[in-house]
Amino acid sequence: MKRMTGIILALTLIALCAGFALAAEGGNPKKGKYLYKKDCKTCHVAGGEGGEMTPLSKTQAQWDRFFEKKSKGCADHAGVSEKDVKDIQQFLFDHAADSDQPETCG
């Protein structure tokens, strides 16, 4: 029984580590929050041109998929560099709806 519990625990830890690997690697969430407020929030508010978008708008997996598909588009508007996009992605991921610290970025 102890062996089975150990195996289950090990598999759970492996799954968690794999999930964290999907997040933006090397992004600075503190800088990302600043950049989000400065560059993104102007368009991504209720009634705004880009539609409302906050960290709570998506789960961590949804943010990963969003940036896999659209990160180049984010860099195209507002003069946001790829490094800045990575920082913004990290902030959004870290404070997504299913994160340990969900945030609206008010």
PDB file of N, CA and C in Angstrom:
ATOM      1  N   MET A   1       0.819  -1.194   0.000  1.00  0.00           N
ATOM      2  CA  MET A   1       0.000   0.000   0.000  1.00  0.00           C
ATOM      3  C   MET A   1       0.862   1.256   0.000  1.00  0.00           C
ATOM      4  N   LYS A   2       1.961   1.241   0.795  1.00  0.00           N
ATOM      5  CA  LYS A   2       2.840   2.403   0.844  1.00  0.00           C
ATOM      6  C   LYS A   2       3.509   2.632  -0.508  1.00  0.00           C
ATOM      7  N   ARG A   3       3.853   1.525  -1.165  1.00  0.00           N
ATOM      8  CA  ARG A   3       4.500   1.638  -2.475  1.00  0.00           C
ATOM      9  C   ARG A   3       3.551   2.285  -3.482  1.00  0.00           C
ATOM     10  N   MET A   4       2.287   1.883  -3.464  1.00  0.00           N
ATOM     11  CA  MET A   4       1.297   2.448  -4.377  1.00  0.00           C
ATOM     12  C   MET A   4       1.112   3.940  -4.111  1.00  0.00           C
ATOM     13  N   THR A   5       1.075   4.322  -2.849  1.00  0.00           N
ATOM     14  CA  THR A   5       0.936   5.727  -2.483  1.00  0.00           C
ATOM     15  C   THR A   5       2.142   6.520  -2.985  1.00  0.00           C
ATOM     16  N   GLY A   6       3.336   5.946  -2.855  1.00  0.00           N
ATOM     17  CA  GLY A   6       4.552   6.599  -3.337  1.00  0.00           C
ATOM     18  C   GLY A   6       4.541   6.794  -4.837  1.00  0.00           C
ATOM     19  N   ILE A   7       4.063   5.795  -5.552  1.00  0.00           N
ATOM     20  CA  ILE A   7       3.994   5.876  -7.013  1.00  0.00           C
ATOM     21  C   ILE A   7       2.994   6.955  -7.430  1.00  0.00           C
ATOM     22  N   ILE A   8       1.854   6.974  -6.786  1.00  0.00           N
ATOM     23  CA  ILE A   8       0.836   7.982  -7.102  1.00  0.00           C
ATOM     24  C   ILE A   8       1.376   9.382  -6.821  1.00  0.00           C
ATOM     25  N   LEU A   9       2.058   9.557  -5.694  1.00  0.00           N
ATOM     26  CA  LEU A   9       2.642  10.851  -5.348  1.00  0.00           C
ATOM     27  C   LEU A   9       3.680  11.266  -6.386  1.00  0.00           C
ATOM     28  N   ALA A  10       4.525  10.346  -6.803  1.00  0.00           N
ATOM     29  CA  ALA A  10       5.554  10.650  -7.799  1.00  0.00           C
ATOM     30  C   ALA A  10       4.928  11.060  -9.127  1.00  0.00           C
ATOM     31  N   LEU A  11       3.908  10.341  -9.558  1.00  0.00           N
ATOM     32  CA  LEU A  11       3.235  10.677 -10.814  1.00  0.00           C
ATOM     33  C   LEU A  11       2.546  12.037 -10.729  1.00  0.00           C
ATOM     34  N   THR A  12       1.979  12.354  -9.585  1.00  0.00           N
ATOM     35  CA  THR A  12       1.337  13.649  -9.385  1.00  0.00           C
ATOM     36  C   THR A  12       2.363  14.764  -9.491  1.00  0.00           C
ATOM     37  N   LEU A  13       3.509  14.589  -8.873  1.00  0.00           N
ATOM     38  CA  LEU A  13       4.561  15.606  -8.941  1.00  0.00           C
ATOM     39  C   LEU A  13       5.073  15.792 -10.363  1.00  0.00           C
ATOM     40  N   ILE A  14       5.223  14.707 -11.085  1.00  0.00           N
ATOM     41  CA  ILE A  14       5.661  14.800 -12.478  1.00  0.00           C
ATOM     42  C   ILE A  14       4.637  15.569 -13.303  1.00  0.00           C
ATOM     43  N   ALA A  15       3.364  15.282 -13.099  1.00  0.00           N
ATOM     44  CA  ALA A  15       2.304  15.973 -13.839  1.00  0.00           C
ATOM     45  C   ALA A  15       2.302  17.468 -13.511  1.00  0.00           C
ATOM     46  N   LEU A  16       2.485  17.815 -12.250  1.00  0.00           N
ATOM     47  CA  LEU A  16       2.522  19.227 -11.864  1.00  0.00           C
ATOM     48  C   LEU A  16       3.705  19.938 -12.505  1.00  0.00           C
ATOM     49  N   CYS A  17       4.855  19.317 -12.489  1.00  0.00           N
ATOM     50  CA  CYS A  17       6.046  19.922 -13.091  1.00  0.00           C
ATOM     51  C   CYS A  17       5.848  20.123 -14.592  1.00  0.00           C
ATOM     52  N   ALA A  18       5.242  19.171 -15.248  1.00  0.00           N
ATOM     53  CA  ALA A  18       4.987  19.294 -16.685  1.00  0.00           C
ATOM     54  C   ALA A  18       4.034  20.445 -16.955  1.00  0.00           C
ATOM     55  N   GLY A  19       3.048  20.630 -16.111  1.00  0.00           N
ATOM     56  CA  GLY A  19       2.104  21.739 -16.270  1.00  0.00           C
ATOM     57  C   GLY A  19       2.779  23.079 -16.123  1.00  0.00           C
ATOM     58  N   PHE A  20       3.691  23.206 -15.170  1.00  0.00           N
ATOM     59  CA  PHE A  20       4.390  24.466 -14.979  1.00  0.00           C
ATOM     60  C   PHE A  20       5.335  24.765 -16.136  1.00  0.00           C
ATOM     61  N   ALA A  21       5.804  23.754 -16.801  1.00  0.00           N
ATOM     62  CA  ALA A  21       6.721  23.955 -17.921  1.00  0.00           C
ATOM     63  C   ALA A  21       6.030  24.648 -19.089  1.00  0.00           C
ATOM     64  N   LEU A  22       4.714  24.562 -19.153  1.00  0.00           N
ATOM     65  CA  LEU A  22       3.978  25.202 -20.233  1.00  0.00           C
ATOM     66  C   LEU A  22       3.927  26.711 -20.087  1.00  0.00           C
ATOM     67  N   ALA A  23       4.101  27.216 -18.896  1.00  0.00           N
ATOM     68  CA  ALA A  23       4.019  28.647 -18.651  1.00  0.00           C
ATOM     69  C   ALA A  23       5.150  29.373 -19.372  1.00  0.00           C
ATOM     70  N   ALA A  24       4.965  30.677 -19.508  1.00  0.00           N
ATOM     71  CA  ALA A  24       6.007  31.493 -20.116  1.00  0.00           C
ATOM     72  C   ALA A  24       7.283  31.359 -19.310  1.00  0.00           C
ATOM     73  N   GLU A  25       8.328  30.921 -19.949  1.00  0.00           N
ATOM     74  CA  GLU A  25       9.587  30.748 -19.242  1.00  0.00           C
ATOM     75  C   GLU A  25      10.380  32.034 -19.312  1.00  0.00           C
ATOM     76  N   GLY A  26      10.872  32.469 -18.171  1.00  0.00           N
ATOM     77  CA  GLY A  26      11.732  33.631 -18.141  1.00  0.00           C
ATOM     78  C   GLY A  26      11.026  34.962 -18.127  1.00  0.00           C
ATOM     79  N   GLY A  27       9.713  34.958 -18.124  1.00  0.00           N
ATOM     80  CA  GLY A  27       8.991  36.219 -18.062  1.00  0.00           C
ATOM     81  C   GLY A  27       9.022  36.797 -16.661  1.00  0.00           C
ATOM     82  N   ASN A  28       9.005  38.106 -16.560  1.00  0.00           N
ATOM     83  CA  ASN A  28       9.008  38.806 -15.284  1.00  0.00           C
ATOM     84  C   ASN A  28       7.581  39.280 -14.996  1.00  0.00           C
ATOM     85  N   PRO A  29       6.860  38.606 -14.078  1.00  0.00           N
ATOM     86  CA  PRO A  29       5.459  38.952 -13.854  1.00  0.00           C
ATOM     87  C   PRO A  29       5.258  40.355 -13.288  1.00  0.00           C
ATOM     88  N   LYS A  30       6.215  40.847 -12.531  1.00  0.00           N
ATOM     89  CA  LYS A  30       6.088  42.200 -11.974  1.00  0.00           C
ATOM     90  C   LYS A  30       6.148  43.242 -13.102  1.00  0.00           C
ATOM     91  N   LYS A  31       7.100  43.058 -13.990  1.00  0.00           N
ATOM     92  CA  LYS A  31       7.201  43.942 -15.153  1.00  0.00           C
ATOM     93  C   LYS A  31       5.990  43.741 -16.061  1.00  0.00           C
ATOM     94  N   GLY A  32       5.544  42.484 -16.176  1.00  0.00           N
ATOM     95  CA  GLY A  32       4.380  42.185 -17.005  1.00  0.00           C
ATOM     96  C   GLY A  32       3.132  42.897 -16.534  1.00  0.00           C
ATOM     97  N   LYS A  33       2.953  42.996 -15.222  1.00  0.00           N
ATOM     98  CA  LYS A  33       1.789  43.715 -14.683  1.00  0.00           C
ATOM     99  C   LYS A  33       1.857  45.185 -15.059  1.00  0.00           C
ATOM    100  N   TYR A  34       3.041  45.772 -14.906  1.00  0.00           N
ATOM    101  CA  TYR A  34       3.222  47.175 -15.275  1.00  0.00           C
ATOM    102  C   TYR A  34       2.921  47.380 -16.763  1.00  0.00           C
ATOM    103  N   LEU A  35       3.489  46.506 -17.608  1.00  0.00           N
ATOM    104  CA  LEU A  35       3.284  46.627 -19.053  1.00  0.00           C
ATOM    105  C   LEU A  35       1.828  46.400 -19.438  1.00  0.00           C
ATOM    106  N   TYR A  36       1.181  45.434 -18.772  1.00  0.00           N
ATOM    107  CA  TYR A  36      -0.227  45.173 -19.059  1.00  0.00           C
ATOM    108  C   TYR A  36      -1.056  46.431 -18.792  1.00  0.00           C
ATOM    109  N   LYS A  37      -0.823  47.051 -17.631  1.00  0.00           N
ATOM    110  CA  LYS A  37      -1.578  48.262 -17.285  1.00  0.00           C
ATOM    111  C   LYS A  37      -1.266  49.402 -18.246  1.00  0.00           C
ATOM    112  N   LYS A  38       0.001  49.517 -18.653  1.00  0.00           N
ATOM    113  CA  LYS A  38       0.446  50.617 -19.508  1.00  0.00           C
ATOM    114  C   LYS A  38       0.032  50.413 -20.965  1.00  0.00           C
ATOM    115  N   ASP A  39       0.254  49.204 -21.496  1.00  0.00           N
ATOM    116  CA  ASP A  39       0.090  48.981 -22.930  1.00  0.00           C
ATOM    117  C   ASP A  39      -1.180  48.243 -23.341  1.00  0.00           C
ATOM    118  N   CYS A  40      -1.676  47.363 -22.502  1.00  0.00           N
ATOM    119  CA  CYS A  40      -2.789  46.487 -22.912  1.00  0.00           C
ATOM    120  C   CYS A  40      -4.146  46.996 -22.429  1.00  0.00           C
ATOM    121  N   LYS A  41      -4.155  47.468 -21.202  1.00  0.00           N
ATOM    122  CA  LYS A  41      -5.432  47.786 -20.562  1.00  0.00           C
ATOM    123  C   LYS A  41      -6.165  48.936 -21.255  1.00  0.00           C
ATOM    124  N   THR A  42      -5.450  49.784 -21.973  1.00  0.00           N
ATOM    125  CA  THR A  42      -6.108  50.894 -22.645  1.00  0.00           C
ATOM    126  C   THR A  42      -7.140  50.412 -23.663  1.00  0.00           C
ATOM    127  N   CYS A  43      -6.850  49.297 -24.331  1.00  0.00           N
ATOM    128  CA  CYS A  43      -7.793  48.738 -25.311  1.00  0.00           C
ATOM    129  C   CYS A  43      -8.626  47.593 -24.739  1.00  0.00           C
ATOM    130  N   HIS A  44      -8.070  46.882 -23.769  1.00  0.00           N
ATOM    131  CA  HIS A  44      -8.726  45.678 -23.260  1.00  0.00           C
ATOM    132  C   HIS A  44      -9.483  45.939 -21.963  1.00  0.00           C
ATOM    133  N   VAL A  45     -10.446  46.854 -22.047  1.00  0.00           N
ATOM    134  CA  VAL A  45     -11.347  47.155 -20.926  1.00  0.00           C
ATOM    135  C   VAL A  45     -12.774  46.951 -21.425  1.00  0.00           C
ATOM    136  N   ALA A  46     -13.711  46.899 -20.504  1.00  0.00           N
ATOM    137  CA  ALA A  46     -15.116  46.738 -20.898  1.00  0.00           C
ATOM    138  C   ALA A  46     -15.490  47.868 -21.859  1.00  0.00           C
ATOM    139  N   GLY A  47     -16.013  47.505 -23.015  1.00  0.00           N
ATOM    140  CA  GLY A  47     -16.403  48.476 -24.020  1.00  0.00           C
ATOM    141  C   GLY A  47     -15.255  48.991 -24.863  1.00  0.00           C
ATOM    142  N   GLY A  48     -14.042  48.511 -24.587  1.00  0.00           N
ATOM    143  CA  GLY A  48     -12.864  48.955 -25.336  1.00  0.00           C
ATOM    144  C   GLY A  48     -12.765  48.261 -26.682  1.00  0.00           C
ATOM    145  N   GLU A  49     -11.887  48.794 -27.515  1.00  0.00           N
ATOM    146  CA  GLU A  49     -11.701  48.277 -28.868  1.00  0.00           C
ATOM    147  C   GLU A  49     -11.281  46.810 -28.893  1.00  0.00           C
ATOM    148  N   GLY A  50     -10.437  46.395 -27.959  1.00  0.00           N
ATOM    149  CA  GLY A  50      -9.938  45.023 -27.939  1.00  0.00           C
ATOM    150  C   GLY A  50     -10.776  44.079 -27.105  1.00  0.00           C
ATOM    151  N   GLY A  51     -11.847  44.572 -26.494  1.00  0.00           N
ATOM    152  CA  GLY A  51     -12.671  43.740 -25.627  1.00  0.00           C
ATOM    153  C   GLY A  51     -12.020  43.548 -24.270  1.00  0.00           C
ATOM    154  N   GLU A  52     -12.816  43.376 -23.256  1.00  0.00           N
ATOM    155  CA  GLU A  52     -12.302  43.255 -21.897  1.00  0.00           C
ATOM    156  C   GLU A  52     -11.455  41.996 -21.745  1.00  0.00           C
ATOM    157  N   MET A  53     -10.287  42.170 -21.140  1.00  0.00           N
ATOM    158  CA  MET A  53      -9.397  41.049 -20.899  1.00  0.00           C
ATOM    159  C   MET A  53      -8.591  41.342 -19.631  1.00  0.00           C
ATOM    160  N   THR A  54      -8.702  40.459 -18.656  1.00  0.00           N
ATOM    161  CA  THR A  54      -7.934  40.558 -17.420  1.00  0.00           C
ATOM    162  C   THR A  54      -7.302  39.185 -17.172  1.00  0.00           C
ATOM    163  N   PRO A  55      -6.409  39.077 -16.196  1.00  0.00           N
ATOM    164  CA  PRO A  55      -5.854  37.757 -15.899  1.00  0.00           C
ATOM    165  C   PRO A  55      -6.936  36.714 -15.623  1.00  0.00           C
ATOM    166  N   LEU A  56      -8.041  37.152 -15.022  1.00  0.00           N
ATOM    167  CA  LEU A  56      -9.133  36.231 -14.686  1.00  0.00           C
ATOM    168  C   LEU A  56      -9.950  35.782 -15.903  1.00  0.00           C
ATOM    169  N   SER A  57      -9.708  36.386 -17.043  1.00  0.00           N
ATOM    170  CA  SER A  57     -10.473  36.046 -18.252  1.00  0.00           C
ATOM    171  C   SER A  57     -10.221  34.625 -18.734  1.00  0.00           C
ATOM    172  N   LYS A  58      -9.080  34.061 -18.352  1.00  0.00           N
ATOM    173  CA  LYS A  58      -8.716  32.729 -18.846  1.00  0.00           C
ATOM    174  C   LYS A  58      -8.031  31.917 -17.748  1.00  0.00           C
ATOM    175  N   THR A  59      -7.980  30.611 -17.947  1.00  0.00           N
ATOM    176  CA  THR A  59      -7.208  29.734 -17.070  1.00  0.00           C
ATOM    177  C   THR A  59      -5.751  29.770 -17.539  1.00  0.00           C
ATOM    178  N   GLN A  60      -4.867  29.165 -16.767  1.00  0.00           N
ATOM    179  CA  GLN A  60      -3.461  29.134 -17.147  1.00  0.00           C
ATOM    180  C   GLN A  60      -3.264  28.450 -18.500  1.00  0.00           C
ATOM    181  N   ALA A  61      -3.925  27.333 -18.712  1.00  0.00           N
ATOM    182  CA  ALA A  61      -3.799  26.620 -19.989  1.00  0.00           C
ATOM    183  C   ALA A  61      -4.347  27.466 -21.139  1.00  0.00           C
ATOM    184  N   GLN A  62      -5.444  28.179 -20.895  1.00  0.00           N
ATOM    185  CA  GLN A  62      -6.013  29.034 -21.939  1.00  0.00           C
ATOM    186  C   GLN A  62      -5.076  30.189 -22.284  1.00  0.00           C
ATOM    187  N   TRP A  63      -4.393  30.757 -21.277  1.00  0.00           N
ATOM    188  CA  TRP A  63      -3.420  31.818 -21.555  1.00  0.00           C
ATOM    189  C   TRP A  63      -2.266  31.272 -22.380  1.00  0.00           C
ATOM    190  N   ASP A  64      -1.795  30.070 -22.055  1.00  0.00           N
ATOM    191  CA  ASP A  64      -0.717  29.469 -22.844  1.00  0.00           C
ATOM    192  C   ASP A  64      -1.137  29.318 -24.303  1.00  0.00           C
ATOM    193  N   ARG A  65      -2.334  28.785 -24.528  1.00  0.00           N
ATOM    194  CA  ARG A  65      -2.822  28.606 -25.909  1.00  0.00           C
ATOM    195  C   ARG A  65      -2.996  29.958 -26.603  1.00  0.00           C
ATOM    196  N   PHE A  66      -3.512  30.942 -25.886  1.00  0.00           N
ATOM    197  CA  PHE A  66      -3.715  32.278 -26.440  1.00  0.00           C
ATOM    198  C   PHE A  66      -2.386  32.845 -26.953  1.00  0.00           C
ATOM    199  N   PHE A  67      -1.349  32.756 -26.134  1.00  0.00           N
ATOM    200  CA  PHE A  67      -0.067  33.324 -26.533  1.00  0.00           C
ATOM    201  C   PHE A  67       0.657  32.480 -27.575  1.00  0.00           C
ATOM    202  N   GLU A  68       0.390  31.193 -27.617  1.00  0.00           N
ATOM    203  CA  GLU A  68       0.964  30.368 -28.684  1.00  0.00           C
ATOM    204  C   GLU A  68       0.436  30.829 -30.039  1.00  0.00           C
ATOM    205  N   LYS A  69      -0.821  31.208 -30.085  1.00  0.00           N
ATOM    206  CA  LYS A  69      -1.466  31.594 -31.333  1.00  0.00           C
ATOM    207  C   LYS A  69      -1.327  33.086 -31.634  1.00  0.00           C
ATOM    208  N   LYS A  70      -1.375  33.926 -30.604  1.00  0.00           N
ATOM    209  CA  LYS A  70      -1.520  35.358 -30.857  1.00  0.00           C
ATOM    210  C   LYS A  70      -0.385  36.235 -30.362  1.00  0.00           C
ATOM    211  N   SER A  71       0.669  35.693 -29.818  1.00  0.00           N
ATOM    212  CA  SER A  71       1.699  36.548 -29.248  1.00  0.00           C
ATOM    213  C   SER A  71       2.331  37.460 -30.294  1.00  0.00           C
ATOM    214  N   LYS A  72       2.440  36.996 -31.514  1.00  0.00           N
ATOM    215  CA  LYS A  72       2.995  37.844 -32.570  1.00  0.00           C
ATOM    216  C   LYS A  72       2.079  39.037 -32.815  1.00  0.00           C
ATOM    217  N   GLY A  73       0.777  38.837 -32.754  1.00  0.00           N
ATOM    218  CA  GLY A  73      -0.171  39.934 -32.922  1.00  0.00           C
ATOM    219  C   GLY A  73      -0.046  40.957 -31.810  1.00  0.00           C
ATOM    220  N   CYS A  74       0.212  40.492 -30.593  1.00  0.00           N
ATOM    221  CA  CYS A  74       0.395  41.414 -29.467  1.00  0.00           C
ATOM    222  C   CYS A  74       1.623  42.276 -29.696  1.00  0.00           C
ATOM    223  N   ALA A  75       2.682  41.685 -30.215  1.00  0.00           N
ATOM    224  CA  ALA A  75       3.915  42.436 -30.441  1.00  0.00           C
ATOM    225  C   ALA A  75       3.730  43.446 -31.576  1.00  0.00           C
ATOM    226  N   ASP A  76       2.807  43.192 -32.483  1.00  0.00           N
ATOM    227  CA  ASP A  76       2.589  44.099 -33.608  1.00  0.00           C
ATOM    228  C   ASP A  76       1.933  45.408 -33.190  1.00  0.00           C
ATOM    229  N   HIS A  77       1.034  45.366 -32.228  1.00  0.00           N
ATOM    230  CA  HIS A  77       0.381  46.610 -31.859  1.00  0.00           C
ATOM    231  C   HIS A  77       0.950  47.177 -30.566  1.00  0.00           C
ATOM    232  N   ALA A  78       0.865  48.457 -30.431  1.00  0.00           N
ATOM    233  CA  ALA A  78       1.326  49.201 -29.255  1.00  0.00           C
ATOM    234  C   ALA A  78       2.844  49.157 -29.095  1.00  0.00           C
ATOM    235  N   GLY A  79       3.582  48.690 -30.103  1.00  0.00           N
ATOM    236  CA  GLY A  79       5.035  48.672 -30.024  1.00  0.00           C
ATOM    237  C   GLY A  79       5.590  47.801 -28.916  1.00  0.00           C
ATOM    238  N   VAL A  80       4.903  46.726 -28.590  1.00  0.00           N
ATOM    239  CA  VAL A  80       5.324  45.834 -27.513  1.00  0.00           C
ATOM    240  C   VAL A  80       6.334  44.831 -28.070  1.00  0.00           C
ATOM    241  N   SER A  81       7.505  44.757 -27.436  1.00  0.00           N
ATOM    242  CA  SER A  81       8.547  43.830 -27.900  1.00  0.00           C
ATOM    243  C   SER A  81       8.195  42.391 -27.521  1.00  0.00           C
ATOM    244  N   GLU A  82       8.884  41.443 -28.120  1.00  0.00           N
ATOM    245  CA  GLU A  82       8.648  40.035 -27.789  1.00  0.00           C
ATOM    246  C   GLU A  82       8.983  39.757 -26.325  1.00  0.00           C
ATOM    247  N   LYS A  83      10.019  40.383 -25.796  1.00  0.00           N
ATOM    248  CA  LYS A  83      10.380  40.224 -24.392  1.00  0.00           C
ATOM    249  C   LYS A  83       9.257  40.756 -23.496  1.00  0.00           C
ATOM    250  N   ASP A  84       8.708  41.910 -23.865  1.00  0.00           N
ATOM    251  CA  ASP A  84       7.604  42.476 -23.090  1.00  0.00           C
ATOM    252  C   ASP A  84       6.372  41.575 -23.149  1.00  0.00           C
ATOM    253  N   VAL A  85       6.126  40.976 -24.308  1.00  0.00           N
ATOM    254  CA  VAL A  85       4.999  40.038 -24.441  1.00  0.00           C
ATOM    255  C   VAL A  85       5.195  38.865 -23.495  1.00  0.00           C
ATOM    256  N   LYS A  86       6.435  38.361 -23.395  1.00  0.00           N
ATOM    257  CA  LYS A  86       6.722  37.246 -22.493  1.00  0.00           C
ATOM    258  C   LYS A  86       6.463  37.647 -21.037  1.00  0.00           C
ATOM    259  N   ASP A  87       6.822  38.886 -20.673  1.00  0.00           N
ATOM    260  CA  ASP A  87       6.574  39.380 -19.320  1.00  0.00           C
ATOM    261  C   ASP A  87       5.068  39.489 -19.050  1.00  0.00           C
ATOM    262  N   ILE A  88       4.334  40.007 -20.017  1.00  0.00           N
ATOM    263  CA  ILE A  88       2.874  40.131 -19.883  1.00  0.00           C
ATOM    264  C   ILE A  88       2.245  38.742 -19.779  1.00  0.00           C
ATOM    265  N   GLN A  89       2.708  37.814 -20.608  1.00  0.00           N
ATOM    266  CA  GLN A  89       2.198  36.446 -20.558  1.00  0.00           C
ATOM    267  C   GLN A  89       2.426  35.838 -19.178  1.00  0.00           C
ATOM    268  N   GLN A  90       3.612  36.048 -18.622  1.00  0.00           N
ATOM    269  CA  GLN A  90       3.921  35.486 -17.305  1.00  0.00           C
ATOM    270  C   GLN A  90       2.998  36.062 -16.242  1.00  0.00           C
ATOM    271  N   PHE A  91       2.749  37.379 -16.302  1.00  0.00           N
ATOM    272  CA  PHE A  91       1.834  38.014 -15.352  1.00  0.00           C
ATOM    273  C   PHE A  91       0.432  37.426 -15.479  1.00  0.00           C
ATOM    274  N   LEU A  92      -0.073  37.335 -16.700  1.00  0.00           N
ATOM    275  CA  LEU A  92      -1.423  36.808 -16.910  1.00  0.00           C
ATOM    276  C   LEU A  92      -1.526  35.357 -16.459  1.00  0.00           C
ATOM    277  N   PHE A  93      -0.511  34.550 -16.766  1.00  0.00           N
ATOM    278  CA  PHE A  93      -0.487  33.148 -16.364  1.00  0.00           C
ATOM    279  C   PHE A  93      -0.476  33.030 -14.839  1.00  0.00           C
ATOM    280  N   ASP A  94       0.396  33.801 -14.184  1.00  0.00           N
ATOM    281  CA  ASP A  94       0.546  33.712 -12.732  1.00  0.00           C
ATOM    282  C   ASP A  94      -0.708  34.126 -11.977  1.00  0.00           C
ATOM    283  N   HIS A  95      -1.559  34.936 -12.620  1.00  0.00           N
ATOM    284  CA  HIS A  95      -2.750  35.442 -11.935  1.00  0.00           C
ATOM    285  C   HIS A  95      -4.041  35.054 -12.659  1.00  0.00           C
ATOM    286  N   ALA A  96      -3.982  33.947 -13.405  1.00  0.00           N
ATOM    287  CA  ALA A  96      -5.144  33.441 -14.136  1.00  0.00           C
ATOM    288  C   ALA A  96      -6.230  32.967 -13.173  1.00  0.00           C
ATOM    289  N   ALA A  97      -7.387  32.701 -13.721  1.00  0.00           N
ATOM    290  CA  ALA A  97      -8.548  32.305 -12.912  1.00  0.00           C
ATOM    291  C   ALA A  97      -8.280  31.083 -12.047  1.00  0.00           C
ATOM    292  N   ASP A  98      -7.457  30.148 -12.525  1.00  0.00           N
ATOM    293  CA  ASP A  98      -7.201  28.927 -11.765  1.00  0.00           C
ATOM    294  C   ASP A  98      -5.839  28.934 -11.054  1.00  0.00           C
ATOM    295  N   SER A  99      -5.230  30.097 -10.937  1.00  0.00           N
ATOM    296  CA  SER A  99      -3.931  30.201 -10.284  1.00  0.00           C
ATOM    297  C   SER A  99      -4.093  30.294  -8.765  1.00  0.00           C
ATOM    298  N   ASP A 100      -2.959  30.222  -8.068  1.00  0.00           N
ATOM    299  CA  ASP A 100      -2.976  30.367  -6.610  1.00  0.00           C
ATOM    300  C   ASP A 100      -3.273  31.801  -6.193  1.00  0.00           C
ATOM    301  N   GLN A 101      -3.006  32.776  -7.102  1.00  0.00           N
ATOM    302  CA  GLN A 101      -3.218  34.175  -6.795  1.00  0.00           C
ATOM    303  C   GLN A 101      -3.970  34.860  -7.941  1.00  0.00           C
ATOM    304  N   PRO A 102      -5.248  34.537  -8.129  1.00  0.00           N
ATOM    305  CA  PRO A 102      -6.003  35.187  -9.218  1.00  0.00           C
ATOM    306  C   PRO A 102      -6.095  36.694  -8.974  1.00  0.00           C
ATOM    307  N   GLU A 103      -6.090  37.449 -10.070  1.00  0.00           N
ATOM    308  CA  GLU A 103      -6.078  38.907  -9.944  1.00  0.00           C
ATOM    309  C   GLU A 103      -6.819  39.530 -11.109  1.00  0.00           C
ATOM    310  N   THR A 104      -7.505  40.630 -10.837  1.00  0.00           N
ATOM    311  CA  THR A 104      -8.222  41.342 -11.889  1.00  0.00           C
ATOM    312  C   THR A 104      -7.390  42.445 -12.523  1.00  0.00           C
ATOM    313  N   CYS A 105      -6.341  42.876 -11.858  1.00  0.00           N
ATOM    314  CA  CYS A 105      -5.472  43.961 -12.340  1.00  0.00           C
ATOM    315  C   CYS A 105      -6.253  45.245 -12.434  1.00  0.00           C
ATOM    316  N   GLY A 106      -6.872  45.643 -11.353  1.00  0.00           N
ATOM    317  CA  GLY A 106      -7.708  46.840 -11.293  1.00  0.00           C
ATOM    318  C   GLY A 106      -7.045  48.113 -11.414  1.00  0.00           C
TER     319      GLY A 106
END
